[in-house]
Amino acid sequence: MPLKVLILFHVLGACIWVGGHLVLALSVLPEALTKKDEKIILEFEKRFERIGIPALLIQVLTGLWMAATYVPIGEWFTFGDNVHSHISIKLLLLLLTFALALHARLFIIPRLTADTLPKLAWHIVGITFIAIGLLFVGLNFRLAYL
C-alpha cells in the first residue's frame, strides 16, 4: 500500500479518536460530573465505541506498518536517533493508552456510579492528553523528517 494512503487512513483515525476524546473530555464529562449522572458517559461511550474503536485499530495497524517501513522492528525501542525516538515515544504512549483503557474497562466502568464518576474522569482526561500527545509526536515526526 502506498505510504500516502497509510498516512491518510492514520490521520483519519486520529481525527476520530482525538476529536471524540476532546468532545468527551470538554463537553460530555463536565455535564456528567455537574449532574452526577454516569449514564451520560455510558451513553456517549456506547455510541462513540462504534466508530472510535475501529478508528483506533486503523491507527494502530497503519502506525505499526509505517513504523516498520522506517525502522526495523527490533530497533523500535532503541531511541538511537530522532526517528527511532519518535517511534518509541508513540509506541509507549500507545501502550499507556491501552493500560488506562483496560483498567477503566475492567475495574471502573463495570462499577460506575455517580460516586465513582471522578475516577473515570481522571482516566478520560489522561487518555485525552495521551491522544493529543500521540497527535503531537506524529505531527512533529511528519513535519521534521518527511
N, C-alpha and C. Protein backbone atom coordinates (compact mmCIF):
# COMPACT_ATOMS: atom_id res chain seq x y z
N MET A 1 0.85 -1.18 0.00
CA MET A 1 0.00 0.00 0.00
C MET A 1 0.90 1.24 0.00
N PRO A 2 0.59 2.22 -0.81
CA PRO A 2 1.42 3.43 -0.85
C PRO A 2 1.42 4.17 0.50
N LEU A 3 2.55 4.76 0.81
CA LEU A 3 2.72 5.47 2.08
C LEU A 3 1.67 6.56 2.26
N LYS A 4 1.34 7.27 1.20
CA LYS A 4 0.34 8.35 1.31
C LYS A 4 -1.03 7.82 1.73
N VAL A 5 -1.36 6.64 1.27
CA VAL A 5 -2.65 6.03 1.65
C VAL A 5 -2.61 5.64 3.13
N LEU A 6 -1.49 5.07 3.58
CA LEU A 6 -1.35 4.74 5.00
C LEU A 6 -1.48 5.99 5.87
N ILE A 7 -0.82 7.06 5.45
CA ILE A 7 -0.88 8.30 6.20
C ILE A 7 -2.31 8.83 6.24
N LEU A 8 -3.01 8.78 5.12
CA LEU A 8 -4.40 9.24 5.07
C LEU A 8 -5.27 8.49 6.07
N PHE A 9 -5.20 7.17 6.06
CA PHE A 9 -6.00 6.37 7.00
C PHE A 9 -5.57 6.63 8.44
N HIS A 10 -4.27 6.78 8.65
CA HIS A 10 -3.76 7.05 10.00
C HIS A 10 -4.31 8.38 10.53
N VAL A 11 -4.28 9.39 9.69
CA VAL A 11 -4.76 10.71 10.10
C VAL A 11 -6.28 10.71 10.28
N LEU A 12 -7.00 10.03 9.41
CA LEU A 12 -8.46 9.94 9.60
C LEU A 12 -8.80 9.25 10.93
N GLY A 13 -8.09 8.19 11.24
CA GLY A 13 -8.29 7.53 12.53
C GLY A 13 -7.99 8.45 13.69
N ALA A 14 -6.92 9.23 13.56
CA ALA A 14 -6.54 10.17 14.62
C ALA A 14 -7.59 11.25 14.79
N CYS A 15 -8.15 11.73 13.69
CA CYS A 15 -9.20 12.76 13.77
C CYS A 15 -10.37 12.25 14.59
N ILE A 16 -10.78 11.04 14.32
CA ILE A 16 -11.92 10.45 15.04
C ILE A 16 -11.56 10.21 16.50
N TRP A 17 -10.41 9.59 16.75
CA TRP A 17 -10.01 9.23 18.11
C TRP A 17 -9.79 10.46 18.98
N VAL A 18 -8.97 11.38 18.50
CA VAL A 18 -8.66 12.57 19.29
C VAL A 18 -9.90 13.47 19.39
N GLY A 19 -10.58 13.67 18.29
CA GLY A 19 -11.78 14.51 18.31
C GLY A 19 -12.85 13.98 19.25
N GLY A 20 -13.06 12.68 19.21
CA GLY A 20 -14.06 12.07 20.10
C GLY A 20 -13.69 12.24 21.56
N HIS A 21 -12.42 12.09 21.87
CA HIS A 21 -12.00 12.25 23.26
C HIS A 21 -12.04 13.71 23.71
N LEU A 22 -11.79 14.63 22.80
CA LEU A 22 -11.94 16.04 23.15
C LEU A 22 -13.40 16.38 23.44
N VAL A 23 -14.31 15.86 22.62
CA VAL A 23 -15.75 16.06 22.88
C VAL A 23 -16.12 15.45 24.23
N LEU A 24 -15.64 14.24 24.47
CA LEU A 24 -15.92 13.57 25.74
C LEU A 24 -15.39 14.37 26.93
N ALA A 25 -14.13 14.79 26.85
CA ALA A 25 -13.49 15.47 27.98
C ALA A 25 -14.01 16.88 28.21
N LEU A 26 -14.33 17.58 27.13
CA LEU A 26 -14.67 19.00 27.26
C LEU A 26 -16.16 19.29 27.26
N SER A 27 -16.97 18.32 26.87
CA SER A 27 -18.41 18.55 26.79
C SER A 27 -19.21 17.53 27.60
N VAL A 28 -19.02 16.27 27.29
CA VAL A 28 -19.82 15.22 27.92
C VAL A 28 -19.44 15.04 29.39
N LEU A 29 -18.15 14.94 29.67
CA LEU A 29 -17.69 14.72 31.05
C LEU A 29 -18.12 15.84 32.00
N PRO A 30 -17.92 17.11 31.65
CA PRO A 30 -18.38 18.17 32.58
C PRO A 30 -19.88 18.10 32.88
N GLU A 31 -20.66 17.78 31.85
CA GLU A 31 -22.10 17.65 32.07
C GLU A 31 -22.40 16.50 33.03
N ALA A 32 -21.75 15.36 32.82
CA ALA A 32 -21.97 14.19 33.68
C ALA A 32 -21.55 14.48 35.12
N LEU A 33 -20.42 15.16 35.29
CA LEU A 33 -19.95 15.50 36.64
C LEU A 33 -20.88 16.50 37.32
N THR A 34 -21.35 17.49 36.56
CA THR A 34 -22.25 18.50 37.12
C THR A 34 -23.56 17.87 37.56
N LYS A 35 -24.11 17.01 36.71
CA LYS A 35 -25.39 16.36 37.01
C LYS A 35 -25.22 15.11 37.88
N LYS A 36 -23.96 14.71 38.09
CA LYS A 36 -23.66 13.47 38.83
C LYS A 36 -24.44 12.30 38.25
N ASP A 37 -24.33 12.18 36.92
CA ASP A 37 -25.08 11.15 36.19
C ASP A 37 -24.13 10.36 35.29
N GLU A 38 -23.77 9.18 35.73
CA GLU A 38 -22.84 8.34 34.97
C GLU A 38 -23.44 7.85 33.66
N LYS A 39 -24.77 7.85 33.55
CA LYS A 39 -25.42 7.38 32.32
C LYS A 39 -25.06 8.25 31.12
N ILE A 40 -24.76 9.52 31.35
CA ILE A 40 -24.37 10.41 30.26
C ILE A 40 -23.07 9.90 29.63
N ILE A 41 -22.12 9.50 30.45
CA ILE A 41 -20.84 8.97 29.95
C ILE A 41 -21.07 7.63 29.25
N LEU A 42 -21.83 6.76 29.89
CA LEU A 42 -22.06 5.43 29.33
C LEU A 42 -22.75 5.50 27.97
N GLU A 43 -23.69 6.42 27.82
CA GLU A 43 -24.39 6.58 26.54
C GLU A 43 -23.43 7.09 25.47
N PHE A 44 -22.60 8.06 25.82
CA PHE A 44 -21.62 8.56 24.86
C PHE A 44 -20.66 7.44 24.45
N GLU A 45 -20.15 6.72 25.43
CA GLU A 45 -19.20 5.64 25.13
C GLU A 45 -19.82 4.58 24.22
N LYS A 46 -21.07 4.25 24.48
CA LYS A 46 -21.75 3.24 23.68
C LYS A 46 -21.80 3.67 22.21
N ARG A 47 -22.09 4.94 21.98
CA ARG A 47 -22.16 5.45 20.61
C ARG A 47 -20.77 5.64 20.01
N PHE A 48 -19.84 6.19 20.78
CA PHE A 48 -18.51 6.50 20.26
C PHE A 48 -17.71 5.25 19.96
N GLU A 49 -17.88 4.19 20.75
CA GLU A 49 -17.10 2.97 20.55
C GLU A 49 -17.31 2.38 19.16
N ARG A 50 -18.49 2.56 18.58
CA ARG A 50 -18.77 2.00 17.25
C ARG A 50 -17.85 2.58 16.18
N ILE A 51 -17.43 3.82 16.36
CA ILE A 51 -16.53 4.43 15.39
C ILE A 51 -15.14 4.65 15.99
N GLY A 52 -15.06 4.87 17.30
CA GLY A 52 -13.78 5.15 17.95
C GLY A 52 -12.84 3.96 17.99
N ILE A 53 -13.36 2.79 18.30
CA ILE A 53 -12.51 1.59 18.37
C ILE A 53 -11.98 1.21 16.99
N PRO A 54 -12.83 1.18 15.94
CA PRO A 54 -12.27 0.93 14.61
C PRO A 54 -11.24 1.99 14.20
N ALA A 55 -11.46 3.24 14.56
CA ALA A 55 -10.50 4.30 14.24
C ALA A 55 -9.18 4.04 14.94
N LEU A 56 -9.24 3.63 16.21
CA LEU A 56 -8.01 3.32 16.94
C LEU A 56 -7.30 2.12 16.31
N LEU A 57 -8.04 1.10 15.94
CA LEU A 57 -7.43 -0.07 15.31
C LEU A 57 -6.76 0.30 13.98
N ILE A 58 -7.40 1.16 13.21
CA ILE A 58 -6.80 1.62 11.96
C ILE A 58 -5.51 2.37 12.24
N GLN A 59 -5.51 3.21 13.28
CA GLN A 59 -4.29 3.93 13.64
C GLN A 59 -3.19 2.98 14.05
N VAL A 60 -3.54 1.99 14.85
CA VAL A 60 -2.52 1.04 15.31
C VAL A 60 -1.93 0.28 14.13
N LEU A 61 -2.79 -0.25 13.27
CA LEU A 61 -2.30 -1.03 12.13
C LEU A 61 -1.47 -0.19 11.17
N THR A 62 -1.97 0.99 10.81
CA THR A 62 -1.22 1.83 9.89
C THR A 62 0.05 2.36 10.55
N GLY A 63 -0.03 2.66 11.85
CA GLY A 63 1.14 3.15 12.57
C GLY A 63 2.24 2.11 12.65
N LEU A 64 1.86 0.88 12.96
CA LEU A 64 2.86 -0.20 13.01
C LEU A 64 3.46 -0.44 11.64
N TRP A 65 2.62 -0.40 10.61
CA TRP A 65 3.09 -0.60 9.24
C TRP A 65 4.09 0.49 8.87
N MET A 66 3.75 1.74 9.17
CA MET A 66 4.66 2.84 8.84
C MET A 66 5.94 2.76 9.68
N ALA A 67 5.81 2.42 10.96
CA ALA A 67 7.00 2.30 11.81
C ALA A 67 7.95 1.25 11.25
N ALA A 68 7.39 0.13 10.81
CA ALA A 68 8.23 -0.93 10.24
C ALA A 68 8.86 -0.50 8.92
N THR A 69 8.23 0.42 8.23
CA THR A 69 8.78 0.94 6.98
C THR A 69 10.02 1.78 7.25
N TYR A 70 10.00 2.54 8.34
CA TYR A 70 11.09 3.46 8.65
C TYR A 70 12.20 2.84 9.49
N VAL A 71 11.82 1.93 10.38
CA VAL A 71 12.79 1.38 11.34
C VAL A 71 12.51 -0.12 11.48
N PRO A 72 13.52 -0.97 11.42
CA PRO A 72 13.29 -2.40 11.67
C PRO A 72 12.66 -2.63 13.05
N ILE A 73 11.76 -3.58 13.13
CA ILE A 73 11.01 -3.82 14.36
C ILE A 73 11.93 -4.01 15.57
N GLY A 74 13.03 -4.69 15.40
CA GLY A 74 13.95 -4.93 16.51
C GLY A 74 14.62 -3.68 17.05
N GLU A 75 14.49 -2.57 16.33
CA GLU A 75 15.11 -1.31 16.76
C GLU A 75 14.10 -0.28 17.26
N TRP A 76 12.86 -0.67 17.41
CA TRP A 76 11.81 0.30 17.76
C TRP A 76 12.06 1.00 19.09
N PHE A 77 12.64 0.36 20.04
CA PHE A 77 12.80 0.98 21.36
C PHE A 77 14.27 1.32 21.66
N THR A 78 15.04 1.60 20.62
CA THR A 78 16.44 1.90 20.85
C THR A 78 16.70 3.38 21.13
N PHE A 79 15.81 4.26 20.75
CA PHE A 79 15.99 5.70 20.93
C PHE A 79 17.32 6.17 20.34
N GLY A 80 17.79 5.48 19.27
CA GLY A 80 19.10 5.76 18.70
C GLY A 80 19.23 7.11 18.02
N ASP A 81 18.17 7.56 17.38
CA ASP A 81 18.17 8.87 16.74
C ASP A 81 16.75 9.43 16.83
N ASN A 82 16.51 10.55 16.17
CA ASN A 82 15.20 11.18 16.27
C ASN A 82 14.07 10.32 15.70
N VAL A 83 14.33 9.64 14.61
CA VAL A 83 13.29 8.78 14.02
C VAL A 83 12.96 7.65 14.99
N HIS A 84 13.97 6.98 15.51
CA HIS A 84 13.76 5.90 16.48
C HIS A 84 13.04 6.43 17.73
N SER A 85 13.42 7.60 18.17
CA SER A 85 12.82 8.18 19.37
C SER A 85 11.34 8.50 19.16
N HIS A 86 11.00 9.07 18.01
CA HIS A 86 9.59 9.37 17.74
C HIS A 86 8.75 8.09 17.74
N ILE A 87 9.26 7.07 17.07
CA ILE A 87 8.53 5.80 17.02
C ILE A 87 8.41 5.20 18.41
N SER A 88 9.48 5.23 19.17
CA SER A 88 9.46 4.68 20.53
C SER A 88 8.46 5.42 21.42
N ILE A 89 8.46 6.73 21.34
CA ILE A 89 7.53 7.53 22.16
C ILE A 89 6.10 7.23 21.77
N LYS A 90 5.82 7.15 20.47
CA LYS A 90 4.45 6.83 20.04
C LYS A 90 4.02 5.46 20.56
N LEU A 91 4.92 4.48 20.48
CA LEU A 91 4.58 3.14 20.97
C LEU A 91 4.35 3.13 22.48
N LEU A 92 5.17 3.86 23.21
CA LEU A 92 4.98 3.93 24.67
C LEU A 92 3.66 4.62 25.01
N LEU A 93 3.32 5.68 24.30
CA LEU A 93 2.03 6.35 24.54
C LEU A 93 0.86 5.43 24.18
N LEU A 94 1.04 4.65 23.13
CA LEU A 94 0.00 3.68 22.76
C LEU A 94 -0.19 2.64 23.86
N LEU A 95 0.91 2.12 24.39
CA LEU A 95 0.82 1.15 25.48
C LEU A 95 0.15 1.76 26.72
N LEU A 96 0.46 3.01 27.00
CA LEU A 96 -0.17 3.70 28.12
C LEU A 96 -1.67 3.88 27.88
N THR A 97 -2.04 4.17 26.64
CA THR A 97 -3.46 4.27 26.29
C THR A 97 -4.17 2.95 26.56
N PHE A 98 -3.56 1.86 26.10
CA PHE A 98 -4.17 0.54 26.32
C PHE A 98 -4.27 0.21 27.81
N ALA A 99 -3.25 0.54 28.57
CA ALA A 99 -3.27 0.26 30.01
C ALA A 99 -4.40 1.03 30.70
N LEU A 100 -4.52 2.31 30.41
CA LEU A 100 -5.59 3.11 31.02
C LEU A 100 -6.97 2.62 30.58
N ALA A 101 -7.11 2.34 29.30
CA ALA A 101 -8.40 1.88 28.78
C ALA A 101 -8.78 0.53 29.37
N LEU A 102 -7.83 -0.36 29.47
CA LEU A 102 -8.10 -1.68 30.05
C LEU A 102 -8.48 -1.57 31.52
N HIS A 103 -7.76 -0.74 32.25
CA HIS A 103 -8.09 -0.53 33.66
C HIS A 103 -9.50 0.03 33.81
N ALA A 104 -9.83 1.03 33.01
CA ALA A 104 -11.17 1.62 33.08
C ALA A 104 -12.24 0.59 32.71
N ARG A 105 -11.99 -0.17 31.64
CA ARG A 105 -12.98 -1.15 31.17
C ARG A 105 -13.20 -2.27 32.17
N LEU A 106 -12.14 -2.73 32.82
CA LEU A 106 -12.26 -3.87 33.73
C LEU A 106 -12.64 -3.49 35.16
N PHE A 107 -12.18 -2.32 35.63
CA PHE A 107 -12.33 -2.02 37.05
C PHE A 107 -13.21 -0.82 37.37
N ILE A 108 -13.38 0.11 36.46
CA ILE A 108 -14.15 1.30 36.78
C ILE A 108 -15.54 1.27 36.14
N ILE A 109 -15.60 1.05 34.85
CA ILE A 109 -16.88 1.11 34.14
C ILE A 109 -17.88 0.06 34.65
N PRO A 110 -17.48 -1.18 34.94
CA PRO A 110 -18.47 -2.14 35.44
C PRO A 110 -19.10 -1.74 36.77
N ARG A 111 -18.40 -0.92 37.55
CA ARG A 111 -18.91 -0.49 38.85
C ARG A 111 -19.22 1.00 38.88
N LEU A 112 -19.42 1.58 37.71
CA LEU A 112 -19.58 3.03 37.61
C LEU A 112 -20.88 3.50 38.27
N THR A 113 -20.73 4.46 39.16
CA THR A 113 -21.86 5.12 39.81
C THR A 113 -21.55 6.61 39.84
N ALA A 114 -22.49 7.39 40.33
CA ALA A 114 -22.24 8.83 40.48
C ALA A 114 -21.05 9.07 41.40
N ASP A 115 -20.87 8.20 42.40
CA ASP A 115 -19.76 8.37 43.35
C ASP A 115 -18.40 8.01 42.74
N THR A 116 -18.37 7.07 41.80
CA THR A 116 -17.10 6.67 41.20
C THR A 116 -16.80 7.41 39.89
N LEU A 117 -17.69 8.29 39.49
CA LEU A 117 -17.51 9.06 38.26
C LEU A 117 -16.21 9.86 38.24
N PRO A 118 -15.77 10.46 39.35
CA PRO A 118 -14.48 11.17 39.32
C PRO A 118 -13.28 10.27 38.97
N LYS A 119 -13.31 8.99 39.36
CA LYS A 119 -12.23 8.08 38.98
C LYS A 119 -12.17 7.91 37.47
N LEU A 120 -13.34 7.75 36.87
CA LEU A 120 -13.39 7.63 35.42
C LEU A 120 -12.97 8.93 34.75
N ALA A 121 -13.30 10.04 35.38
CA ALA A 121 -12.93 11.34 34.82
C ALA A 121 -11.41 11.45 34.66
N TRP A 122 -10.66 10.97 35.64
CA TRP A 122 -9.20 11.01 35.56
C TRP A 122 -8.70 10.17 34.39
N HIS A 123 -9.34 9.04 34.14
CA HIS A 123 -8.96 8.19 33.01
C HIS A 123 -9.26 8.92 31.69
N ILE A 124 -10.44 9.54 31.62
CA ILE A 124 -10.83 10.24 30.40
C ILE A 124 -9.85 11.38 30.11
N VAL A 125 -9.54 12.15 31.12
CA VAL A 125 -8.59 13.25 30.94
C VAL A 125 -7.22 12.71 30.54
N GLY A 126 -6.79 11.64 31.18
CA GLY A 126 -5.50 11.04 30.86
C GLY A 126 -5.42 10.54 29.44
N ILE A 127 -6.42 9.80 29.01
CA ILE A 127 -6.42 9.27 27.64
C ILE A 127 -6.52 10.41 26.63
N THR A 128 -7.25 11.45 26.97
CA THR A 128 -7.35 12.60 26.06
C THR A 128 -5.99 13.27 25.90
N PHE A 129 -5.28 13.48 27.01
CA PHE A 129 -3.94 14.08 26.92
C PHE A 129 -2.97 13.17 26.17
N ILE A 130 -3.08 11.87 26.39
CA ILE A 130 -2.22 10.94 25.66
C ILE A 130 -2.53 10.98 24.17
N ALA A 131 -3.82 11.06 23.82
CA ALA A 131 -4.21 11.14 22.41
C ALA A 131 -3.63 12.41 21.76
N ILE A 132 -3.68 13.52 22.49
CA ILE A 132 -3.09 14.76 21.97
C ILE A 132 -1.57 14.59 21.86
N GLY A 133 -0.96 13.92 22.81
CA GLY A 133 0.48 13.65 22.75
C GLY A 133 0.84 12.81 21.54
N LEU A 134 0.05 11.78 21.27
CA LEU A 134 0.28 10.96 20.08
C LEU A 134 0.18 11.80 18.82
N LEU A 135 -0.82 12.65 18.78
CA LEU A 135 -1.01 13.54 17.63
C LEU A 135 0.19 14.47 17.47
N PHE A 136 0.64 15.05 18.56
CA PHE A 136 1.77 15.97 18.52
C PHE A 136 3.05 15.28 18.06
N VAL A 137 3.32 14.11 18.61
CA VAL A 137 4.54 13.38 18.23
C VAL A 137 4.48 12.98 16.75
N GLY A 138 3.33 12.50 16.32
CA GLY A 138 3.18 12.12 14.91
C GLY A 138 3.32 13.31 13.98
N LEU A 139 2.72 14.41 14.34
CA LEU A 139 2.83 15.62 13.53
C LEU A 139 4.28 16.13 13.50
N ASN A 140 4.93 16.10 14.64
CA ASN A 140 6.31 16.52 14.73
C ASN A 140 7.20 15.66 13.84
N PHE A 141 6.96 14.36 13.87
CA PHE A 141 7.71 13.43 13.03
C PHE A 141 7.48 13.75 11.55
N ARG A 142 6.24 13.91 11.19
CA ARG A 142 5.88 14.13 9.79
C ARG A 142 6.48 15.45 9.30
N LEU A 143 6.41 16.49 10.09
CA LEU A 143 6.91 17.80 9.65
C LEU A 143 8.43 17.88 9.69
N ALA A 144 9.06 17.15 10.59
CA ALA A 144 10.50 17.25 10.74
C ALA A 144 11.29 16.39 9.76
N TYR A 145 10.71 15.25 9.38
CA TYR A 145 11.52 14.29 8.64
C TYR A 145 11.01 13.93 7.25
N LEU A 146 9.76 14.13 7.00
CA LEU A 146 9.26 13.59 5.72
C LEU A 146 8.54 14.63 4.90
